Amino acid sequence: IKAARTGKIGDGKIFVRAVEQVIRIRTGETGAEAV
């Protein structure tokens, strides 16, 4: 918000969604370690 705001129309939107699972393809790590 601080970096993207210009105060003019068209500044944009932010969406936050839950992530159920993350898997790193190279190592097979899952969850927080894969992020």
All heavy atoms as atom14 arrays in JSON, in Angstrom:
{
  "sequence": "IKAARTGKIGDGKIFVRAVEQVIRIRTGETGAEAV",
  "atom14_mask": [
    [1, 1, 1, 1, 1, 1, 1, 1, 0, 0, 0, 0, 0, 0],
    [1, 1, 1, 1, 1, 1, 1, 1, 1, 0, 0, 0, 0, 0],
    [1, 1, 1, 1, 1, 0, 0, 0, 0, 0, 0, 0, 0, 0],
    [1, 1, 1, 1, 1, 0, 0, 0, 0, 0, 0, 0, 0, 0],
    [1, 1, 1, 1, 1, 1, 1, 1, 1, 1, 1, 0, 0, 0],
    [1, 1, 1, 1, 1, 1, 1, 0, 0, 0, 0, 0, 0, 0],
    [1, 1, 1, 1, 0, 0, 0, 0, 0, 0, 0, 0, 0, 0],
    [1, 1, 1, 1, 1, 1, 1, 1, 1, 0, 0, 0, 0, 0],
    [1, 1, 1, 1, 1, 1, 1, 1, 0, 0, 0, 0, 0, 0],
    [1, 1, 1, 1, 0, 0, 0, 0, 0, 0, 0, 0, 0, 0],
    [1, 1, 1, 1, 1, 1, 1, 1, 0, 0, 0, 0, 0, 0],
    [1, 1, 1, 1, 0, 0, 0, 0, 0, 0, 0, 0, 0, 0],
    [1, 1, 1, 1, 1, 1, 1, 1, 1, 0, 0, 0, 0, 0],
    [1, 1, 1, 1, 1, 1, 1, 1, 0, 0, 0, 0, 0, 0],
    [1, 1, 1, 1, 1, 1, 1, 1, 1, 1, 1, 0, 0, 0],
    [1, 1, 1, 1, 1, 1, 1, 0, 0, 0, 0, 0, 0, 0],
    [1, 1, 1, 1, 1, 1, 1, 1, 1, 1, 1, 0, 0, 0],
    [1, 1, 1, 1, 1, 0, 0, 0, 0, 0, 0, 0, 0, 0],
    [1, 1, 1, 1, 1, 1, 1, 0, 0, 0, 0, 0, 0, 0],
    [1, 1, 1, 1, 1, 1, 1, 1, 1, 0, 0, 0, 0, 0],
    [1, 1, 1, 1, 1, 1, 1, 1, 1, 0, 0, 0, 0, 0],
    [1, 1, 1, 1, 1, 1, 1, 0, 0, 0, 0, 0, 0, 0],
    [1, 1, 1, 1, 1, 1, 1, 1, 0, 0, 0, 0, 0, 0],
    [1, 1, 1, 1, 1, 1, 1, 1, 1, 1, 1, 0, 0, 0],
    [1, 1, 1, 1, 1, 1, 1, 1, 0, 0, 0, 0, 0, 0],
    [1, 1, 1, 1, 1, 1, 1, 1, 1, 1, 1, 0, 0, 0],
    [1, 1, 1, 1, 1, 1, 1, 0, 0, 0, 0, 0, 0, 0],
    [1, 1, 1, 1, 0, 0, 0, 0, 0, 0, 0, 0, 0, 0],
    [1, 1, 1, 1, 1, 1, 1, 1, 1, 0, 0, 0, 0, 0],
    [1, 1, 1, 1, 1, 1, 1, 0, 0, 0, 0, 0, 0, 0],
    [1, 1, 1, 1, 0, 0, 0, 0, 0, 0, 0, 0, 0, 0],
    [1, 1, 1, 1, 1, 0, 0, 0, 0, 0, 0, 0, 0, 0],
    [1, 1, 1, 1, 1, 1, 1, 1, 1, 0, 0, 0, 0, 0],
    [1, 1, 1, 1, 1, 0, 0, 0, 0, 0, 0, 0, 0, 0],
    [1, 1, 1, 1, 1, 1, 1, 0, 0, 0, 0, 0, 0, 0]
  ],
  "atom14_positions": [
    [[0.84, -1.21, 0.0], [0.0, 0.0, 0.0], [0.87, 1.26, 0.0], [0.65, 2.17, -0.79], [-0.97, -0.01, 1.2], [-2.03, -1.1, 1.02], [-1.63, 1.36, 1.37], [-2.87, -1.35, 2.26], [0.0, 0.0, 0.0], [0.0, 0.0, 0.0], [0.0, 0.0, 0.0], [0.0, 0.0, 0.0], [0.0, 0.0, 0.0], [0.0, 0.0, 0.0]],
    [[1.87, 1.3, 0.88], [2.73, 2.48, 0.96], [3.5, 2.71, -0.33], [3.67, 3.84, -0.79], [3.7, 2.35, 2.13], [3.05, 2.55, 3.47], [4.06, 2.4, 4.59], [3.38, 2.48, 5.95], [4.29, 2.19, 7.05], [0.0, 0.0, 0.0], [0.0, 0.0, 0.0], [0.0, 0.0, 0.0], [0.0, 0.0, 0.0], [0.0, 0.0, 0.0]],
    [[3.99, 1.63, -0.94], [4.82, 1.76, -2.14], [4.01, 2.04, -3.4], [4.46, 2.74, -4.3], [5.65, 0.5, -2.34], [0.0, 0.0, 0.0], [0.0, 0.0, 0.0], [0.0, 0.0, 0.0], [0.0, 0.0, 0.0], [0.0, 0.0, 0.0], [0.0, 0.0, 0.0], [0.0, 0.0, 0.0], [0.0, 0.0, 0.0], [0.0, 0.0, 0.0]],
    [[2.78, 1.52, -3.49], [2.0, 1.61, -4.73], [1.06, 2.81, -4.76], [0.58, 3.18, -5.83], [1.2, 0.33, -4.94], [0.0, 0.0, 0.0], [0.0, 0.0, 0.0], [0.0, 0.0, 0.0], [0.0, 0.0, 0.0], [0.0, 0.0, 0.0], [0.0, 0.0, 0.0], [0.0, 0.0, 0.0], [0.0, 0.0, 0.0], [0.0, 0.0, 0.0]],
    [[0.79, 3.42, -3.62], [-0.21, 4.5, -3.58], [0.31, 5.78, -4.22], [1.39, 6.25, -3.91], [-0.6, 4.78, -2.14], [-1.61, 5.93, -2.02], [-2.02, 6.19, -0.61], [-2.97, 5.14, -0.2], [-3.15, 4.75, 1.04], [-2.45, 5.29, 2.01], [-4.02, 3.81, 1.32], [0.0, 0.0, 0.0], [0.0, 0.0, 0.0], [0.0, 0.0, 0.0]],
    [[-0.51, 6.31, -5.15], [-0.24, 7.64, -5.72], [-1.32, 8.61, -5.28], [-1.16, 9.82, -5.43], [-0.24, 7.6, -7.26], [-1.54, 7.28, -7.73], [0.78, 6.62, -7.79], [0.0, 0.0, 0.0], [0.0, 0.0, 0.0], [0.0, 0.0, 0.0], [0.0, 0.0, 0.0], [0.0, 0.0, 0.0], [0.0, 0.0, 0.0], [0.0, 0.0, 0.0]],
    [[-2.43, 8.08, -4.8], [-3.55, 8.92, -4.4], [-4.51, 9.22, -5.54], [-5.48, 9.94, -5.37], [0.0, 0.0, 0.0], [0.0, 0.0, 0.0], [0.0, 0.0, 0.0], [0.0, 0.0, 0.0], [0.0, 0.0, 0.0], [0.0, 0.0, 0.0], [0.0, 0.0, 0.0], [0.0, 0.0, 0.0], [0.0, 0.0, 0.0], [0.0, 0.0, 0.0]],
    [[-4.23, 8.67, -6.7], [-5.07, 8.9, -7.87], [-5.82, 7.63, -8.23], [-5.43, 6.53, -7.84], [-4.23, 9.37, -9.05], [-3.54, 10.69, -8.77], [-2.71, 11.14, -9.93], [-2.04, 12.46, -9.57], [-0.96, 12.79, -10.47], [0.0, 0.0, 0.0], [0.0, 0.0, 0.0], [0.0, 0.0, 0.0], [0.0, 0.0, 0.0], [0.0, 0.0, 0.0]],
    [[-6.87, 7.79, -9.01], [-7.67, 6.64, -9.42], [-6.79, 5.67, -10.21], [-5.89, 6.08, -10.94], [-8.9, 7.1, -10.24], [-9.89, 5.97, -10.39], [-8.48, 7.67, -11.58], [-11.27, 6.43, -10.83], [0.0, 0.0, 0.0], [0.0, 0.0, 0.0], [0.0, 0.0, 0.0], [0.0, 0.0, 0.0], [0.0, 0.0, 0.0], [0.0, 0.0, 0.0]],
    [[-7.03, 4.38, -10.02], [-6.27, 3.36, -10.74], [-5.05, 2.85, -10.01], [-4.23, 2.15, -10.59], [0.0, 0.0, 0.0], [0.0, 0.0, 0.0], [0.0, 0.0, 0.0], [0.0, 0.0, 0.0], [0.0, 0.0, 0.0], [0.0, 0.0, 0.0], [0.0, 0.0, 0.0], [0.0, 0.0, 0.0], [0.0, 0.0, 0.0], [0.0, 0.0, 0.0]],
    [[-4.91, 3.18, -8.71], [-3.76, 2.69, -7.95], [-3.74, 1.17, -7.83], [-2.68, 0.59, -7.7], [-3.74, 3.3, -6.55], [-3.07, 4.66, -6.51], [-2.46, 5.05, -7.52], [-3.17, 5.33, -5.47], [0.0, 0.0, 0.0], [0.0, 0.0, 0.0], [0.0, 0.0, 0.0], [0.0, 0.0, 0.0], [0.0, 0.0, 0.0], [0.0, 0.0, 0.0]],
    [[-4.9, 0.53, -7.88], [-4.92, -0.92, -7.89], [-5.67, -1.54, -6.73], [-6.35, -0.87, -5.97], [0.0, 0.0, 0.0], [0.0, 0.0, 0.0], [0.0, 0.0, 0.0], [0.0, 0.0, 0.0], [0.0, 0.0, 0.0], [0.0, 0.0, 0.0], [0.0, 0.0, 0.0], [0.0, 0.0, 0.0], [0.0, 0.0, 0.0], [0.0, 0.0, 0.0]],
    [[-5.49, -2.84, -6.59], [-6.16, -3.63, -5.56], [-5.19, -4.68, -5.03], [-4.25, -5.08, -5.69], [-7.37, -4.36, -6.14], [-8.48, -3.46, -6.65], [-9.73, -3.71, -5.88], [-10.92, -2.92, -6.29], [-10.83, -1.84, -7.19], [0.0, 0.0, 0.0], [0.0, 0.0, 0.0], [0.0, 0.0, 0.0], [0.0, 0.0, 0.0], [0.0, 0.0, 0.0]],
    [[-5.49, -5.15, -3.81], [-4.73, -6.24, -3.2], [-5.72, -7.31, -2.78], [-6.74, -7.01, -2.15], [-3.93, -5.76, -1.98], [-2.94, -4.66, -2.38], [-3.2, -6.93, -1.32], [-2.25, -4.01, -1.2], [0.0, 0.0, 0.0], [0.0, 0.0, 0.0], [0.0, 0.0, 0.0], [0.0, 0.0, 0.0], [0.0, 0.0, 0.0], [0.0, 0.0, 0.0]],
    [[-5.41, -8.56, -3.12], [-6.23, -9.7, -2.73], [-5.38, -10.64, -1.88], [-4.22, -10.88, -2.2], [-6.73, -10.46, -3.97], [-7.46, -9.59, -4.95], [-6.79, -9.04, -6.03], [-8.8, -9.3, -4.79], [-7.45, -8.23, -6.94], [-9.48, -8.49, -5.7], [-8.79, -7.96, -6.77], [0.0, 0.0, 0.0], [0.0, 0.0, 0.0], [0.0, 0.0, 0.0]],
    [[-5.95, -11.16, -0.81], [-5.24, -12.1, 0.06], [-6.07, -13.38, 0.14], [-7.25, -13.33, 0.47], [-5.03, -11.52, 1.48], [-4.3, -12.51, 2.36], [-4.28, -10.2, 1.4], [0.0, 0.0, 0.0], [0.0, 0.0, 0.0], [0.0, 0.0, 0.0], [0.0, 0.0, 0.0], [0.0, 0.0, 0.0], [0.0, 0.0, 0.0], [0.0, 0.0, 0.0]],
    [[-5.44, -14.5, -0.2], [-6.12, -15.8, -0.2], [-5.31, -16.81, 0.61], [-4.09, -16.73, 0.67], [-6.23, -16.34, -1.63], [-7.17, -15.58, -2.51], [-7.24, -16.28, -3.86], [-6.05, -15.93, -4.63], [-6.08, -15.21, -5.73], [-7.21, -14.79, -6.22], [-4.97, -14.92, -6.37], [0.0, 0.0, 0.0], [0.0, 0.0, 0.0], [0.0, 0.0, 0.0]],
    [[-6.03, -17.77, 1.17], [-5.36, -18.85, 1.91], [-4.72, -19.82, 0.92], [-5.26, -20.09, -0.15], [-6.37, -19.58, 2.78], [0.0, 0.0, 0.0], [0.0, 0.0, 0.0], [0.0, 0.0, 0.0], [0.0, 0.0, 0.0], [0.0, 0.0, 0.0], [0.0, 0.0, 0.0], [0.0, 0.0, 0.0], [0.0, 0.0, 0.0], [0.0, 0.0, 0.0]],
    [[-3.56, -20.33, 1.3], [-2.85, -21.34, 0.5], [-2.84, -22.63, 1.31], [-2.36, -22.66, 2.43], [-1.41, -20.88, 0.19], [-0.64, -21.98, -0.51], [-1.42, -19.61, -0.65], [0.0, 0.0, 0.0], [0.0, 0.0, 0.0], [0.0, 0.0, 0.0], [0.0, 0.0, 0.0], [0.0, 0.0, 0.0], [0.0, 0.0, 0.0], [0.0, 0.0, 0.0]],
    [[-3.38, -23.68, 0.72], [-3.47, -24.95, 1.43], [-2.16, -25.72, 1.46], [-1.81, -26.33, 2.46], [-4.56, -25.82, 0.79], [-5.95, -25.28, 1.0], [-7.0, -26.19, 0.42], [-6.75, -27.42, 0.33], [-8.06, -25.68, 0.06], [0.0, 0.0, 0.0], [0.0, 0.0, 0.0], [0.0, 0.0, 0.0], [0.0, 0.0, 0.0], [0.0, 0.0, 0.0]],
    [[-1.45, -25.71, 0.33], [-0.24, -26.52, 0.27], [0.76, -25.9, -0.69], [0.38, -25.34, -1.73], [-0.59, -27.93, -0.2], [0.56, -28.89, -0.16], [0.13, -30.3, -0.53], [-0.94, -30.51, -1.09], [0.97, -31.26, -0.24], [0.0, 0.0, 0.0], [0.0, 0.0, 0.0], [0.0, 0.0, 0.0], [0.0, 0.0, 0.0], [0.0, 0.0, 0.0]],
    [[2.04, -25.99, -0.35], [3.13, -25.54, -1.21], [4.14, -26.67, -1.29], [4.5, -27.26, -0.27], [3.81, -24.28, -0.66], [4.97, -23.87, -1.55], [2.83, -23.15, -0.51], [0.0, 0.0, 0.0], [0.0, 0.0, 0.0], [0.0, 0.0, 0.0], [0.0, 0.0, 0.0], [0.0, 0.0, 0.0], [0.0, 0.0, 0.0], [0.0, 0.0, 0.0]],
    [[4.61, -26.95, -2.5], [5.62, -28.0, -2.7], [6.71, -27.44, -3.6], [6.43, -26.92, -4.68], [5.01, -29.25, -3.38], [3.86, -29.78, -2.54], [6.08, -30.31, -3.61], [2.96, -30.75, -3.27], [0.0, 0.0, 0.0], [0.0, 0.0, 0.0], [0.0, 0.0, 0.0], [0.0, 0.0, 0.0], [0.0, 0.0, 0.0], [0.0, 0.0, 0.0]],
    [[7.95, -27.52, -3.16], [9.08, -27.11, -4.0], [9.43, -28.3, -4.89], [9.74, -29.39, -4.4], [10.27, -26.71, -3.15], [11.46, -26.29, -4.0], [12.54, -25.67, -3.18], [11.98, -24.44, -2.62], [12.58, -23.72, -1.7], [13.74, -24.08, -1.23], [12.02, -22.62, -1.24], [0.0, 0.0, 0.0], [0.0, 0.0, 0.0], [0.0, 0.0, 0.0]],
    [[9.35, -28.09, -6.16], [9.54, -29.18, -7.12], [10.95, -29.77, -7.04], [11.12, -30.99, -7.03], [9.24, -28.69, -8.55], [7.75, -28.33, -8.66], [9.62, -29.75, -9.58], [7.36, -27.67, -9.96], [0.0, 0.0, 0.0], [0.0, 0.0, 0.0], [0.0, 0.0, 0.0], [0.0, 0.0, 0.0], [0.0, 0.0, 0.0], [0.0, 0.0, 0.0]],
    [[11.97, -28.92, -6.96], [13.36, -29.39, -7.0], [13.69, -30.32, -5.84], [14.31, -31.37, -6.03], [14.31, -28.19, -6.97], [15.79, -28.56, -6.96], [16.69, -27.33, -7.03], [16.4, -26.34, -6.01], [16.93, -26.34, -4.77], [17.76, -27.3, -4.41], [16.62, -25.4, -3.91], [0.0, 0.0, 0.0], [0.0, 0.0, 0.0], [0.0, 0.0, 0.0]],
    [[13.26, -29.96, -4.6], [13.66, -30.73, -3.42], [12.56, -31.58, -2.83], [12.83, -32.44, -2.0], [14.16, -29.77, -2.32], [13.08, -28.91, -1.96], [15.34, -28.97, -2.79], [0.0, 0.0, 0.0], [0.0, 0.0, 0.0], [0.0, 0.0, 0.0], [0.0, 0.0, 0.0], [0.0, 0.0, 0.0], [0.0, 0.0, 0.0], [0.0, 0.0, 0.0]],
    [[11.31, -31.31, -3.18], [10.19, -32.02, -2.6], [9.76, -31.46, -1.26], [8.87, -32.01, -0.62], [0.0, 0.0, 0.0], [0.0, 0.0, 0.0], [0.0, 0.0, 0.0], [0.0, 0.0, 0.0], [0.0, 0.0, 0.0], [0.0, 0.0, 0.0], [0.0, 0.0, 0.0], [0.0, 0.0, 0.0], [0.0, 0.0, 0.0], [0.0, 0.0, 0.0]],
    [[10.38, -30.36, -0.82], [9.99, -29.75, 0.45], [8.53, -29.3, 0.36], [8.06, -28.92, -0.7], [10.86, -28.52, 0.75], [12.31, -28.84, 1.02], [13.14, -27.58, 1.1], [13.14, -26.82, 0.12], [13.78, -27.37, 2.16], [0.0, 0.0, 0.0], [0.0, 0.0, 0.0], [0.0, 0.0, 0.0], [0.0, 0.0, 0.0], [0.0, 0.0, 0.0]],
    [[7.85, -29.33, 1.52], [6.46, -28.91, 1.55], [6.25, -27.89, 2.67], [7.09, -27.77, 3.57], [5.52, -30.1, 1.79], [5.84, -30.71, 3.04], [5.61, -31.12, 0.67], [0.0, 0.0, 0.0], [0.0, 0.0, 0.0], [0.0, 0.0, 0.0], [0.0, 0.0, 0.0], [0.0, 0.0, 0.0], [0.0, 0.0, 0.0], [0.0, 0.0, 0.0]],
    [[5.13, -27.2, 2.6], [4.78, -26.25, 3.65], [5.66, -25.02, 3.67], [6.15, -24.57, 2.63], [0.0, 0.0, 0.0], [0.0, 0.0, 0.0], [0.0, 0.0, 0.0], [0.0, 0.0, 0.0], [0.0, 0.0, 0.0], [0.0, 0.0, 0.0], [0.0, 0.0, 0.0], [0.0, 0.0, 0.0], [0.0, 0.0, 0.0], [0.0, 0.0, 0.0]],
    [[5.91, -24.49, 4.86], [6.67, -23.24, 5.03], [8.1, -23.36, 4.49], [8.66, -22.38, 4.02], [6.69, -22.85, 6.5], [0.0, 0.0, 0.0], [0.0, 0.0, 0.0], [0.0, 0.0, 0.0], [0.0, 0.0, 0.0], [0.0, 0.0, 0.0], [0.0, 0.0, 0.0], [0.0, 0.0, 0.0], [0.0, 0.0, 0.0], [0.0, 0.0, 0.0]],
    [[8.69, -24.54, 4.55], [10.05, -24.72, 4.04], [10.12, -24.53, 2.53], [11.15, -24.18, 1.97], [10.6, -26.1, 4.38], [10.78, -26.37, 5.86], [9.49, -26.86, 6.51], [8.7, -27.56, 5.86], [9.26, -26.48, 7.67], [0.0, 0.0, 0.0], [0.0, 0.0, 0.0], [0.0, 0.0, 0.0], [0.0, 0.0, 0.0], [0.0, 0.0, 0.0]],
    [[9.01, -24.76, 1.85], [8.99, -24.65, 0.39], [8.82, -23.21, -0.09], [9.07, -22.9, -1.24], [7.85, -25.51, -0.19], [0.0, 0.0, 0.0], [0.0, 0.0, 0.0], [0.0, 0.0, 0.0], [0.0, 0.0, 0.0], [0.0, 0.0, 0.0], [0.0, 0.0, 0.0], [0.0, 0.0, 0.0], [0.0, 0.0, 0.0], [0.0, 0.0, 0.0]],
    [[8.39, -22.33, 0.82], [8.2, -20.93, 0.43], [9.53, -20.26, 0.43], [10.0, -19.61, -0.37], [7.24, -20.2, 1.38], [7.12, -18.73, 1.03], [5.89, -20.86, 1.36], [0.0, 0.0, 0.0], [0.0, 0.0, 0.0], [0.0, 0.0, 0.0], [0.0, 0.0, 0.0], [0.0, 0.0, 0.0], [0.0, 0.0, 0.0], [0.0, 0.0, 0.0]]
  ]
}
